């Protein structure tokens, strides 16, 4: 299997140091606080464009003042390098948009 489709171990995921994302379960998950609904919608649009570019699509939840993100590689049943790369890109987009990660 290629590096992009190999399911990662918890240690490999932890080594990726994804500060915005909660400790992994079967998925990587993050929630970003935005200033209002419009800014959350802009962030969702930016994440959507990045997902299309990468051909790897997270599950997104849009709410007033927040965006929820869930990442996993459904085709292999776990978290892969594709998910780590998309998580990093989403963190960059969120930071540029002024959104703040909230990990419970």
PDB file of N, CA and C in Angstrom:
ATOM      1  N   UNK A   1       0.843  -1.192   0.000  1.00  0.00           N
ATOM      2  CA  UNK A   1       0.000   0.000   0.000  1.00  0.00           C
ATOM      3  C   UNK A   1       0.879   1.243   0.000  1.00  0.00           C
ATOM      4  N   UNK A   2       0.367   2.282  -0.608  1.00  0.00           N
ATOM      5  CA  UNK A   2       1.134   3.512  -0.632  1.00  0.00           C
ATOM      6  C   UNK A   2       1.029   4.225   0.710  1.00  0.00           C
ATOM      7  N   UNK A   3       1.926   5.148   0.909  1.00  0.00           N
ATOM      8  CA  UNK A   3       1.955   5.923   2.153  1.00  0.00           C
ATOM      9  C   UNK A   3       0.626   6.638   2.391  1.00  0.00           C
ATOM     10  N   UNK A   4      -0.043   7.066   1.340  1.00  0.00           N
ATOM     11  CA  UNK A   4      -1.284   7.817   1.488  1.00  0.00           C
ATOM     12  C   UNK A   4      -2.470   6.961   1.875  1.00  0.00           C
ATOM     13  N   UNK A   5      -2.379   5.658   1.743  1.00  0.00           N
ATOM     14  CA  UNK A   5      -3.513   4.805   2.076  1.00  0.00           C
ATOM     15  C   UNK A   5      -3.215   3.807   3.192  1.00  0.00           C
ATOM     16  N   UNK A   6      -2.074   3.932   3.823  1.00  0.00           N
ATOM     17  CA  UNK A   6      -1.735   3.068   4.949  1.00  0.00           C
ATOM     18  C   UNK A   6      -2.323   3.657   6.221  1.00  0.00           C
ATOM     19  N   UNK A   7      -3.076   2.860   6.958  1.00  0.00           N
ATOM     20  CA  UNK A   7      -3.647   3.325   8.217  1.00  0.00           C
ATOM     21  C   UNK A   7      -2.514   3.552   9.207  1.00  0.00           C
ATOM     22  N   UNK A   8      -2.519   4.721   9.834  1.00  0.00           N
ATOM     23  CA  UNK A   8      -1.464   5.104  10.766  1.00  0.00           C
ATOM     24  C   UNK A   8      -1.748   4.584  12.167  1.00  0.00           C
ATOM     25  N   UNK A   9      -0.693   4.352  12.917  1.00  0.00           N
ATOM     26  CA  UNK A   9      -0.817   3.949  14.316  1.00  0.00           C
ATOM     27  C   UNK A   9      -1.097   5.186  15.166  1.00  0.00           C
ATOM     28  N   UNK A  10      -1.618   5.010  16.369  1.00  0.00           N
ATOM     29  CA  UNK A  10      -1.804   6.167  17.250  1.00  0.00           C
ATOM     30  C   UNK A  10      -0.499   6.938  17.482  1.00  0.00           C
ATOM     31  N   UNK A  11       0.623   6.248  17.590  1.00  0.00           N
ATOM     32  CA  UNK A  11       1.912   6.922  17.800  1.00  0.00           C
ATOM     33  C   UNK A  11       2.291   7.766  16.585  1.00  0.00           C
ATOM     34  N   UNK A  12       2.049   7.261  15.396  1.00  0.00           N
ATOM     35  CA  UNK A  12       2.350   8.030  14.181  1.00  0.00           C
ATOM     36  C   UNK A  12       1.468   9.267  14.088  1.00  0.00           C
ATOM     37  N   UNK A  13       0.220   9.120  14.482  1.00  0.00           N
ATOM     38  CA  UNK A  13      -0.692  10.261  14.464  1.00  0.00           C
ATOM     39  C   UNK A  13      -0.260  11.290  15.506  1.00  0.00           C
ATOM     40  N   UNK A  14       0.084  10.849  16.700  1.00  0.00           N
ATOM     41  CA  UNK A  14       0.540  11.756  17.757  1.00  0.00           C
ATOM     42  C   UNK A  14       1.807  12.490  17.338  1.00  0.00           C
ATOM     43  N   UNK A  15       2.705  11.815  16.632  1.00  0.00           N
ATOM     44  CA  UNK A  15       3.957  12.426  16.177  1.00  0.00           C
ATOM     45  C   UNK A  15       3.718  13.533  15.161  1.00  0.00           C
ATOM     46  N   UNK A  16       2.547  13.551  14.523  1.00  0.00           N
ATOM     47  CA  UNK A  16       2.238  14.598  13.551  1.00  0.00           C
ATOM     48  C   UNK A  16       1.995  15.945  14.218  1.00  0.00           C
ATOM     49  N   UNK A  17       1.768  15.947  15.540  1.00  0.00           N
ATOM     50  CA  UNK A  17       1.618  17.175  16.323  1.00  0.00           C
ATOM     51  C   UNK A  17       0.583  18.123  15.725  1.00  0.00           C
ATOM     52  N   UNK A  18      -0.633  17.660  15.595  1.00  0.00           N
ATOM     53  CA  UNK A  18      -1.733  18.457  15.059  1.00  0.00           C
ATOM     54  C   UNK A  18      -2.443  19.161  16.209  1.00  0.00           C
ATOM     55  N   UNK A  19      -1.940  20.303  16.588  1.00  0.00           N
ATOM     56  CA  UNK A  19      -2.418  21.001  17.781  1.00  0.00           C
ATOM     57  C   UNK A  19      -3.901  21.349  17.737  1.00  0.00           C
ATOM     58  N   UNK A  20      -4.449  21.645  16.557  1.00  0.00           N
ATOM     59  CA  UNK A  20      -5.850  22.037  16.463  1.00  0.00           C
ATOM     60  C   UNK A  20      -6.800  20.857  16.601  1.00  0.00           C
ATOM     61  N   UNK A  21      -6.310  19.652  16.419  1.00  0.00           N
ATOM     62  CA  UNK A  21      -7.161  18.470  16.372  1.00  0.00           C
ATOM     63  C   UNK A  21      -7.071  17.688  17.678  1.00  0.00           C
ATOM     64  N   UNK A  22      -8.235  17.215  18.146  1.00  0.00           N
ATOM     65  CA  UNK A  22      -8.313  16.437  19.377  1.00  0.00           C
ATOM     66  C   UNK A  22      -7.550  15.133  19.212  1.00  0.00           C
ATOM     67  N   UNK A  23      -7.146  14.513  20.324  1.00  0.00           N
ATOM     68  CA  UNK A  23      -6.473  13.219  20.215  1.00  0.00           C
ATOM     69  C   UNK A  23      -7.306  12.277  19.356  1.00  0.00           C
ATOM     70  N   UNK A  24      -6.661  11.522  18.505  1.00  0.00           N
ATOM     71  CA  UNK A  24      -7.416  10.720  17.545  1.00  0.00           C
ATOM     72  C   UNK A  24      -8.209   9.593  18.190  1.00  0.00           C
ATOM     73  N   UNK A  25      -9.364   9.409  17.643  1.00  0.00           N
ATOM     74  CA  UNK A  25     -10.194   8.243  17.912  1.00  0.00           C
ATOM     75  C   UNK A  25     -10.185   7.512  16.572  1.00  0.00           C
ATOM     76  N   UNK A  26     -11.267   6.985  16.125  1.00  0.00           N
ATOM     77  CA  UNK A  26     -11.232   6.455  14.759  1.00  0.00           C
ATOM     78  C   UNK A  26     -11.155   7.563  13.715  1.00  0.00           C
ATOM     79  N   UNK A  27     -11.287   8.833  14.156  1.00  0.00           N
ATOM     80  CA  UNK A  27     -11.232   9.983  13.246  1.00  0.00           C
ATOM     81  C   UNK A  27     -10.403  11.099  13.877  1.00  0.00           C
ATOM     82  N   UNK A  28      -9.975  12.050  13.041  1.00  0.00           N
ATOM     83  CA  UNK A  28      -9.413  13.298  13.547  1.00  0.00           C
ATOM     84  C   UNK A  28     -10.559  14.303  13.587  1.00  0.00           C
ATOM     85  N   UNK A  29     -10.688  15.037  14.666  1.00  0.00           N
ATOM     86  CA  UNK A  29     -11.790  15.990  14.787  1.00  0.00           C
ATOM     87  C   UNK A  29     -11.301  17.301  15.366  1.00  0.00           C
ATOM     88  N   UNK A  30     -11.839  18.396  14.833  1.00  0.00           N
ATOM     89  CA  UNK A  30     -11.531  19.731  15.342  1.00  0.00           C
ATOM     90  C   UNK A  30     -12.785  20.591  15.242  1.00  0.00           C
ATOM     91  N   UNK A  31     -12.842  21.599  16.086  1.00  0.00           N
ATOM     92  CA  UNK A  31     -13.909  22.594  16.011  1.00  0.00           C
ATOM     93  C   UNK A  31     -13.232  23.957  16.081  1.00  0.00           C
ATOM     94  N   UNK A  32     -13.657  24.836  15.182  1.00  0.00           N
ATOM     95  CA  UNK A  32     -13.099  26.185  15.115  1.00  0.00           C
ATOM     96  C   UNK A  32     -14.176  27.198  15.437  1.00  0.00           C
ATOM     97  N   UNK A  33     -13.862  28.100  16.353  1.00  0.00           N
ATOM     98  CA  UNK A  33     -14.759  29.195  16.712  1.00  0.00           C
ATOM     99  C   UNK A  33     -14.467  30.361  15.774  1.00  0.00           C
ATOM    100  N   UNK A  34     -15.523  30.899  15.158  1.00  0.00           N
ATOM    101  CA  UNK A  34     -15.402  32.066  14.294  1.00  0.00           C
ATOM    102  C   UNK A  34     -16.221  33.198  14.891  1.00  0.00           C
ATOM    103  N   UNK A  35     -16.084  34.396  14.319  1.00  0.00           N
ATOM    104  CA  UNK A  35     -16.775  35.530  14.930  1.00  0.00           C
ATOM    105  C   UNK A  35     -18.275  35.550  14.659  1.00  0.00           C
ATOM    106  N   UNK A  36     -18.711  34.904  13.563  1.00  0.00           N
ATOM    107  CA  UNK A  36     -20.132  34.883  13.242  1.00  0.00           C
ATOM    108  C   UNK A  36     -20.406  33.828  12.172  1.00  0.00           C
ATOM    109  N   UNK A  37     -21.661  33.744  11.757  1.00  0.00           N
ATOM    110  CA  UNK A  37     -22.050  32.742  10.774  1.00  0.00           C
ATOM    111  C   UNK A  37     -21.364  32.985   9.430  1.00  0.00           C
ATOM    112  N   UNK A  38     -21.310  34.242   9.008  1.00  0.00           N
ATOM    113  CA  UNK A  38     -20.712  34.555   7.706  1.00  0.00           C
ATOM    114  C   UNK A  38     -19.248  34.135   7.649  1.00  0.00           C
ATOM    115  N   UNK A  39     -18.495  34.382   8.696  1.00  0.00           N
ATOM    116  CA  UNK A  39     -17.080  33.997   8.685  1.00  0.00           C
ATOM    117  C   UNK A  39     -16.923  32.472   8.765  1.00  0.00           C
ATOM    118  N   UNK A  40     -17.848  31.804   9.438  1.00  0.00           N
ATOM    119  CA  UNK A  40     -17.828  30.338   9.452  1.00  0.00           C
ATOM    120  C   UNK A  40     -18.097  29.800   8.051  1.00  0.00           C
ATOM    121  N   UNK A  41     -19.028  30.408   7.360  1.00  0.00           N
ATOM    122  CA  UNK A  41     -19.355  29.990   6.001  1.00  0.00           C
ATOM    123  C   UNK A  41     -18.179  30.201   5.055  1.00  0.00           C
ATOM    124  N   UNK A  42     -17.466  31.307   5.203  1.00  0.00           N
ATOM    125  CA  UNK A  42     -16.275  31.555   4.386  1.00  0.00           C
ATOM    126  C   UNK A  42     -15.234  30.472   4.644  1.00  0.00           C
ATOM    127  N   UNK A  43     -15.026  30.110   5.911  1.00  0.00           N
ATOM    128  CA  UNK A  43     -14.060  29.060   6.238  1.00  0.00           C
ATOM    129  C   UNK A  43     -14.477  27.726   5.625  1.00  0.00           C
ATOM    130  N   UNK A  44     -15.752  27.391   5.695  1.00  0.00           N
ATOM    131  CA  UNK A  44     -16.243  26.154   5.081  1.00  0.00           C
ATOM    132  C   UNK A  44     -15.956  26.167   3.582  1.00  0.00           C
ATOM    133  N   UNK A  45     -16.186  27.291   2.938  1.00  0.00           N
ATOM    134  CA  UNK A  45     -15.924  27.408   1.503  1.00  0.00           C
ATOM    135  C   UNK A  45     -14.442  27.205   1.199  1.00  0.00           C
ATOM    136  N   UNK A  46     -13.568  27.784   2.014  1.00  0.00           N
ATOM    137  CA  UNK A  46     -12.126  27.622   1.820  1.00  0.00           C
ATOM    138  C   UNK A  46     -11.689  26.179   2.036  1.00  0.00           C
ATOM    139  N   UNK A  47     -12.236  25.542   3.059  1.00  0.00           N
ATOM    140  CA  UNK A  47     -11.916  24.132   3.307  1.00  0.00           C
ATOM    141  C   UNK A  47     -12.414  23.284   2.144  1.00  0.00           C
ATOM    142  N   UNK A  48     -13.603  23.587   1.650  1.00  0.00           N
ATOM    143  CA  UNK A  48     -14.142  22.858   0.508  1.00  0.00           C
ATOM    144  C   UNK A  48     -13.258  22.965  -0.722  1.00  0.00           C
ATOM    145  N   UNK A  49     -12.745  24.153  -0.997  1.00  0.00           N
ATOM    146  CA  UNK A  49     -11.852  24.344  -2.143  1.00  0.00           C
ATOM    147  C   UNK A  49     -10.560  23.550  -1.958  1.00  0.00           C
ATOM    148  N   UNK A  50     -10.007  23.571  -0.748  1.00  0.00           N
ATOM    149  CA  UNK A  50      -8.781  22.810  -0.475  1.00  0.00           C
ATOM    150  C   UNK A  50      -9.038  21.308  -0.599  1.00  0.00           C
ATOM    151  N   UNK A  51     -10.207  20.863  -0.157  1.00  0.00           N
ATOM    152  CA  UNK A  51     -10.561  19.444  -0.244  1.00  0.00           C
ATOM    153  C   UNK A  51     -10.688  19.013  -1.703  1.00  0.00           C
ATOM    154  N   UNK A  52     -11.289  19.846  -2.518  1.00  0.00           N
ATOM    155  CA  UNK A  52     -11.400  19.530  -3.944  1.00  0.00           C
ATOM    156  C   UNK A  52     -10.020  19.441  -4.580  1.00  0.00           C
ATOM    157  N   UNK A  53      -9.153  20.374  -4.231  1.00  0.00           N
ATOM    158  CA  UNK A  53      -7.792  20.382  -4.767  1.00  0.00           C
ATOM    159  C   UNK A  53      -7.034  19.111  -4.386  1.00  0.00           C
ATOM    160  N   UNK A  54      -7.226  18.660  -3.151  1.00  0.00           N
ATOM    161  CA  UNK A  54      -6.526  17.476  -2.651  1.00  0.00           C
ATOM    162  C   UNK A  54      -7.257  16.176  -2.989  1.00  0.00           C
ATOM    163  N   UNK A  55      -8.497  16.284  -3.452  1.00  0.00           N
ATOM    164  CA  UNK A  55      -9.345  15.126  -3.696  1.00  0.00           C
ATOM    165  C   UNK A  55      -9.453  14.257  -2.436  1.00  0.00           C
ATOM    166  N   UNK A  56      -9.622  14.934  -1.311  1.00  0.00           N
ATOM    167  CA  UNK A  56      -9.798  14.265  -0.018  1.00  0.00           C
ATOM    168  C   UNK A  56     -10.729  15.144   0.808  1.00  0.00           C
ATOM    169  N   UNK A  57     -11.898  14.638   1.134  1.00  0.00           N
ATOM    170  CA  UNK A  57     -12.981  15.478   1.627  1.00  0.00           C
ATOM    171  C   UNK A  57     -13.359  15.180   3.071  1.00  0.00           C
ATOM    172  N   UNK A  58     -13.216  16.191   3.949  1.00  0.00           N
ATOM    173  CA  UNK A  58     -13.633  16.020   5.342  1.00  0.00           C
ATOM    174  C   UNK A  58     -15.146  16.144   5.467  1.00  0.00           C
ATOM    175  N   UNK A  59     -15.654  15.687   6.578  1.00  0.00           N
ATOM    176  CA  UNK A  59     -17.037  15.963   6.944  1.00  0.00           C
ATOM    177  C   UNK A  59     -17.014  17.291   7.693  1.00  0.00           C
ATOM    178  N   UNK A  60     -17.909  18.203   7.327  1.00  0.00           N
ATOM    179  CA  UNK A  60     -17.943  19.537   7.923  1.00  0.00           C
ATOM    180  C   UNK A  60     -19.303  19.795   8.551  1.00  0.00           C
ATOM    181  N   UNK A  61     -19.287  20.518   9.675  1.00  0.00           N
ATOM    182  CA  UNK A  61     -20.508  20.950  10.332  1.00  0.00           C
ATOM    183  C   UNK A  61     -20.445  22.469  10.456  1.00  0.00           C
ATOM    184  N   UNK A  62     -21.408  23.133   9.865  1.00  0.00           N
ATOM    185  CA  UNK A  62     -21.479  24.592   9.900  1.00  0.00           C
ATOM    186  C   UNK A  62     -22.541  25.011  10.904  1.00  0.00           C
ATOM    187  N   UNK A  63     -22.175  25.895  11.820  1.00  0.00           N
ATOM    188  CA  UNK A  63     -23.127  26.437  12.792  1.00  0.00           C
ATOM    189  C   UNK A  63     -22.794  27.915  12.994  1.00  0.00           C
ATOM    190  N   UNK A  64     -23.676  28.615  13.677  1.00  0.00           N
ATOM    191  CA  UNK A  64     -23.393  30.011  13.947  1.00  0.00           C
ATOM    192  C   UNK A  64     -22.100  30.116  14.752  1.00  0.00           C
ATOM    193  N   UNK A  65     -21.094  30.738  14.176  1.00  0.00           N
ATOM    194  CA  UNK A  65     -19.848  30.977  14.879  1.00  0.00           C
ATOM    195  C   UNK A  65     -18.946  29.791  15.051  1.00  0.00           C
ATOM    196  N   UNK A  66     -19.178  28.709  14.313  1.00  0.00           N
ATOM    197  CA  UNK A  66     -18.265  27.576  14.445  1.00  0.00           C
ATOM    198  C   UNK A  66     -18.318  26.662  13.220  1.00  0.00           C
ATOM    199  N   UNK A  67     -17.202  25.967  13.034  1.00  0.00           N
ATOM    200  CA  UNK A  67     -17.073  24.959  11.985  1.00  0.00           C
ATOM    201  C   UNK A  67     -16.481  23.713  12.628  1.00  0.00           C
ATOM    202  N   UNK A  68     -17.165  22.591  12.465  1.00  0.00           N
ATOM    203  CA  UNK A  68     -16.652  21.309  12.928  1.00  0.00           C
ATOM    204  C   UNK A  68     -16.050  20.549  11.758  1.00  0.00           C
ATOM    205  N   UNK A  69     -14.938  19.868  12.003  1.00  0.00           N
ATOM    206  CA  UNK A  69     -14.239  19.122  10.966  1.00  0.00           C
ATOM    207  C   UNK A  69     -13.967  17.710  11.459  1.00  0.00           C
ATOM    208  N   UNK A  70     -14.280  16.723  10.630  1.00  0.00           N
ATOM    209  CA  UNK A  70     -13.961  15.331  10.919  1.00  0.00           C
ATOM    210  C   UNK A  70     -13.237  14.757   9.716  1.00  0.00           C
ATOM    211  N   UNK A  71     -12.092  14.129   9.971  1.00  0.00           N
ATOM    212  CA  UNK A  71     -11.282  13.536   8.914  1.00  0.00           C
ATOM    213  C   UNK A  71     -11.034  12.060   9.165  1.00  0.00           C
ATOM    214  N   UNK A  72     -11.185  11.269   8.137  1.00  0.00           N
ATOM    215  CA  UNK A  72     -10.802   9.866   8.123  1.00  0.00           C
ATOM    216  C   UNK A  72     -10.759   9.418   6.673  1.00  0.00           C
ATOM    217  N   UNK A  73     -10.018   8.381   6.397  1.00  0.00           N
ATOM    218  CA  UNK A  73      -9.979   7.812   5.048  1.00  0.00           C
ATOM    219  C   UNK A  73     -10.928   6.625   5.028  1.00  0.00           C
ATOM    220  N   UNK A  74     -12.143   6.870   4.582  1.00  0.00           N
ATOM    221  CA  UNK A  74     -13.183   5.842   4.589  1.00  0.00           C
ATOM    222  C   UNK A  74     -12.786   4.616   3.771  1.00  0.00           C
ATOM    223  N   UNK A  75     -12.012   4.839   2.712  1.00  0.00           N
ATOM    224  CA  UNK A  75     -11.663   3.725   1.828  1.00  0.00           C
ATOM    225  C   UNK A  75     -10.767   2.691   2.488  1.00  0.00           C
ATOM    226  N   UNK A  76     -10.019   3.093   3.540  1.00  0.00           N
ATOM    227  CA  UNK A  76      -9.140   2.137   4.225  1.00  0.00           C
ATOM    228  C   UNK A  76      -9.512   1.964   5.697  1.00  0.00           C
ATOM    229  N   UNK A  77     -10.518   2.686   6.152  1.00  0.00           N
ATOM    230  CA  UNK A  77     -11.017   2.499   7.507  1.00  0.00           C
ATOM    231  C   UNK A  77     -10.125   3.034   8.608  1.00  0.00           C
ATOM    232  N   UNK A  78      -9.489   4.178   8.373  1.00  0.00           N
ATOM    233  CA  UNK A  78      -8.651   4.760   9.417  1.00  0.00           C
ATOM    234  C   UNK A  78      -8.041   6.073   8.985  1.00  0.00           C
ATOM    235  N   UNK A  79      -7.138   6.554   9.794  1.00  0.00           N
ATOM    236  CA  UNK A  79      -6.450   7.823   9.542  1.00  0.00           C
ATOM    237  C   UNK A  79      -5.174   7.532   8.762  1.00  0.00           C
ATOM    238  N   UNK A  80      -4.988   8.294   7.682  1.00  0.00           N
ATOM    239  CA  UNK A  80      -3.823   8.114   6.816  1.00  0.00           C
ATOM    240  C   UNK A  80      -3.069   9.429   6.669  1.00  0.00           C
ATOM    241  N   UNK A  81      -1.986   9.378   5.917  1.00  0.00           N
ATOM    242  CA  UNK A  81      -1.220  10.597   5.626  1.00  0.00           C
ATOM    243  C   UNK A  81      -2.092  11.637   4.918  1.00  0.00           C
ATOM    244  N   UNK A  82      -3.050  11.183   4.134  1.00  0.00           N
ATOM    245  CA  UNK A  82      -3.967  12.132   3.472  1.00  0.00           C
ATOM    246  C   UNK A  82      -4.714  12.960   4.506  1.00  0.00           C
ATOM    247  N   UNK A  83      -5.122  12.309   5.596  1.00  0.00           N
ATOM    248  CA  UNK A  83      -5.843  13.019   6.649  1.00  0.00           C
ATOM    249  C   UNK A  83      -4.935  14.014   7.378  1.00  0.00           C
ATOM    250  N   UNK A  84      -3.695  13.593   7.643  1.00  0.00           N
ATOM    251  CA  UNK A  84      -2.754  14.503   8.312  1.00  0.00           C
ATOM    252  C   UNK A  84      -2.489  15.725   7.447  1.00  0.00           C
ATOM    253  N   UNK A  85      -2.286  15.514   6.157  1.00  0.00           N
ATOM    254  CA  UNK A  85      -2.032  16.635   5.245  1.00  0.00           C
ATOM    255  C   UNK A  85      -3.238  17.572   5.183  1.00  0.00           C
ATOM    256  N   UNK A  86      -4.439  17.014   5.118  1.00  0.00           N
ATOM    257  CA  UNK A  86      -5.636  17.848   5.073  1.00  0.00           C
ATOM    258  C   UNK A  86      -5.827  18.568   6.403  1.00  0.00           C
ATOM    259  N   UNK A  87      -5.543  17.918   7.517  1.00  0.00           N
ATOM    260  CA  UNK A  87      -5.651  18.574   8.827  1.00  0.00           C
ATOM    261  C   UNK A  87      -4.713  19.776   8.899  1.00  0.00           C
ATOM    262  N   UNK A  88      -3.492  19.602   8.425  1.00  0.00           N
ATOM    263  CA  UNK A  88      -2.538  20.735   8.425  1.00  0.00           C
ATOM    264  C   UNK A  88      -3.061  21.884   7.571  1.00  0.00           C
ATOM    265  N   UNK A  89      -3.588  21.568   6.401  1.00  0.00           N
ATOM    266  CA  UNK A  89      -4.103  22.599   5.502  1.00  0.00           C
ATOM    267  C   UNK A  89      -5.293  23.313   6.137  1.00  0.00           C
ATOM    268  N   UNK A  90      -6.173  22.570   6.768  1.00  0.00           N
ATOM    269  CA  UNK A  90      -7.326  23.173   7.430  1.00  0.00           C
ATOM    270  C   UNK A  90      -6.867  24.074   8.574  1.00  0.00           C
ATOM    271  N   UNK A  91      -5.871  23.655   9.331  1.00  0.00           N
ATOM    272  CA  UNK A  91      -5.330  24.493  10.412  1.00  0.00           C
ATOM    273  C   UNK A  91      -4.786  25.800   9.859  1.00  0.00           C
ATOM    274  N   UNK A  92      -4.088  25.735   8.726  1.00  0.00           N
ATOM    275  CA  UNK A  92      -3.564  26.950   8.088  1.00  0.00           C
ATOM    276  C   UNK A  92      -4.695  27.887   7.675  1.00  0.00           C
ATOM    277  N   UNK A  93      -5.716  27.315   7.038  1.00  0.00           N
ATOM    278  CA  UNK A  93      -6.857  28.132   6.604  1.00  0.00           C
ATOM    279  C   UNK A  93      -7.571  28.766   7.793  1.00  0.00           C
ATOM    280  N   UNK A  94      -7.774  28.003   8.842  1.00  0.00           N
ATOM    281  CA  UNK A  94      -8.447  28.515  10.024  1.00  0.00           C
ATOM    282  C   UNK A  94      -7.645  29.645  10.668  1.00  0.00           C
ATOM    283  N   UNK A  95      -6.343  29.444  10.795  1.00  0.00           N
ATOM    284  CA  UNK A  95      -5.503  30.490  11.397  1.00  0.00           C
ATOM    285  C   UNK A  95      -5.553  31.766  10.561  1.00  0.00           C
ATOM    286  N   UNK A  96      -5.479  31.629   9.259  1.00  0.00           N
ATOM    287  CA  UNK A  96      -5.511  32.799   8.373  1.00  0.00           C
ATOM    288  C   UNK A  96      -6.854  33.520   8.469  1.00  0.00           C
ATOM    289  N   UNK A  97      -7.913  32.772   8.759  1.00  0.00           N
ATOM    290  CA  UNK A  97      -9.250  33.352   8.875  1.00  0.00           C
ATOM    291  C   UNK A  97      -9.529  33.917  10.274  1.00  0.00           C
ATOM    292  N   UNK A  98      -8.578  33.716  11.186  1.00  0.00           N
ATOM    293  CA  UNK A  98      -8.779  34.200  12.556  1.00  0.00           C
ATOM    294  C   UNK A  98      -9.656  33.286  13.395  1.00  0.00           C
ATOM    295  N   UNK A  99      -9.896  32.071  12.923  1.00  0.00           N
ATOM    296  CA  UNK A  99     -10.689  31.115  13.682  1.00  0.00           C
ATOM    297  C   UNK A  99      -9.813  30.469  14.749  1.00  0.00           C
ATOM    298  N   UNK A 100     -10.397  30.143  15.882  1.00  0.00           N
ATOM    299  CA  UNK A 100      -9.666  29.590  17.012  1.00  0.00           C
ATOM    300  C   UNK A 100     -10.095  28.149  17.251  1.00  0.00           C
ATOM    301  N   UNK A 101      -9.123  27.257  17.349  1.00  0.00           N
ATOM    302  CA  UNK A 101      -9.432  25.851  17.603  1.00  0.00           C
ATOM    303  C   UNK A 101      -9.923  25.676  19.028  1.00  0.00           C
ATOM    304  N   UNK A 102     -10.987  24.882  19.171  1.00  0.00           N
ATOM    305  CA  UNK A 102     -11.542  24.541  20.483  1.00  0.00           C
ATOM    306  C   UNK A 102     -11.559  23.035  20.609  1.00  0.00           C
ATOM    307  N   UNK A 103     -10.663  22.484  21.384  1.00  0.00           N
ATOM    308  CA  UNK A 103     -10.650  21.045  21.614  1.00  0.00           C
ATOM    309  C   UNK A 103     -11.139  20.774  23.027  1.00  0.00           C
ATOM    310  N   UNK A 104     -12.186  19.996  23.101  1.00  0.00           N
ATOM    311  CA  UNK A 104     -12.764  19.665  24.415  1.00  0.00           C
ATOM    312  C   UNK A 104     -12.018  18.523  25.037  1.00  0.00           C
TER     313      UNK A 104
END
